[in-house]
Amino acid sequence: MWFEEIFEEYDKEKTNENRFLSRKLNLIRQNNITKSDLSIH
């Protein structure tokens, strides 16, 4: 029974990690877009 709880915890952490990573990626993408916009103008 205990390993299920651990797995759930692990799962939660994984989800948070993924959320964090995708947020980071989005920020980077937005930065790149603004940079390319600036270079165009």
Protein backbone atom coordinates (compact mmCIF):
# COMPACT_ATOMS: atom_id res chain seq x y z
CA MET A 1 0.00 0.00 0.00
CA TRP A 2 2.73 2.46 0.91
CA PHE A 3 4.38 2.33 -2.51
CA GLU A 4 1.16 3.56 -4.11
CA GLU A 5 1.32 6.68 -1.99
CA ILE A 6 4.93 7.23 -2.91
CA PHE A 7 4.09 6.77 -6.55
CA GLU A 8 1.30 9.32 -6.27
CA GLU A 9 3.70 11.80 -4.72
CA TYR A 10 6.20 11.14 -7.46
CA ASP A 11 3.49 11.58 -10.05
CA LYS A 12 2.52 14.93 -8.54
CA GLU A 13 6.10 16.12 -8.63
CA LYS A 14 6.46 15.02 -12.22
CA THR A 15 3.38 16.97 -13.23
CA ASN A 16 4.68 20.07 -11.49
CA GLU A 17 8.01 19.65 -13.20
CA ASN A 18 6.37 19.37 -16.60
CA ARG A 19 4.22 22.39 -15.91
CA PHE A 20 7.29 24.33 -14.90
CA LEU A 21 9.21 23.24 -17.99
CA SER A 22 6.43 24.12 -20.40
CA ARG A 23 6.04 27.51 -18.72
CA LYS A 24 9.76 28.06 -19.15
CA LEU A 25 9.58 27.02 -22.78
CA ASN A 26 6.71 29.40 -23.39
CA LEU A 27 8.68 32.26 -21.88
CA ILE A 28 11.67 31.46 -24.05
CA ARG A 29 9.48 31.26 -27.13
CA GLN A 30 7.88 34.62 -26.34
CA ASN A 31 11.31 36.15 -25.83
CA ASN A 32 12.47 34.83 -29.17
CA ILE A 33 9.38 36.21 -30.87
CA THR A 34 9.94 39.66 -29.38
CA LYS A 35 13.59 39.56 -30.38
CA SER A 36 12.80 38.62 -33.96
CA ASP A 37 10.12 41.32 -34.07
CA LEU A 38 12.66 43.85 -32.89
CA SER A 39 15.20 42.79 -35.48
CA ILE A 40 12.59 43.06 -38.24
CA HIS A 41 11.77 46.65 -37.30
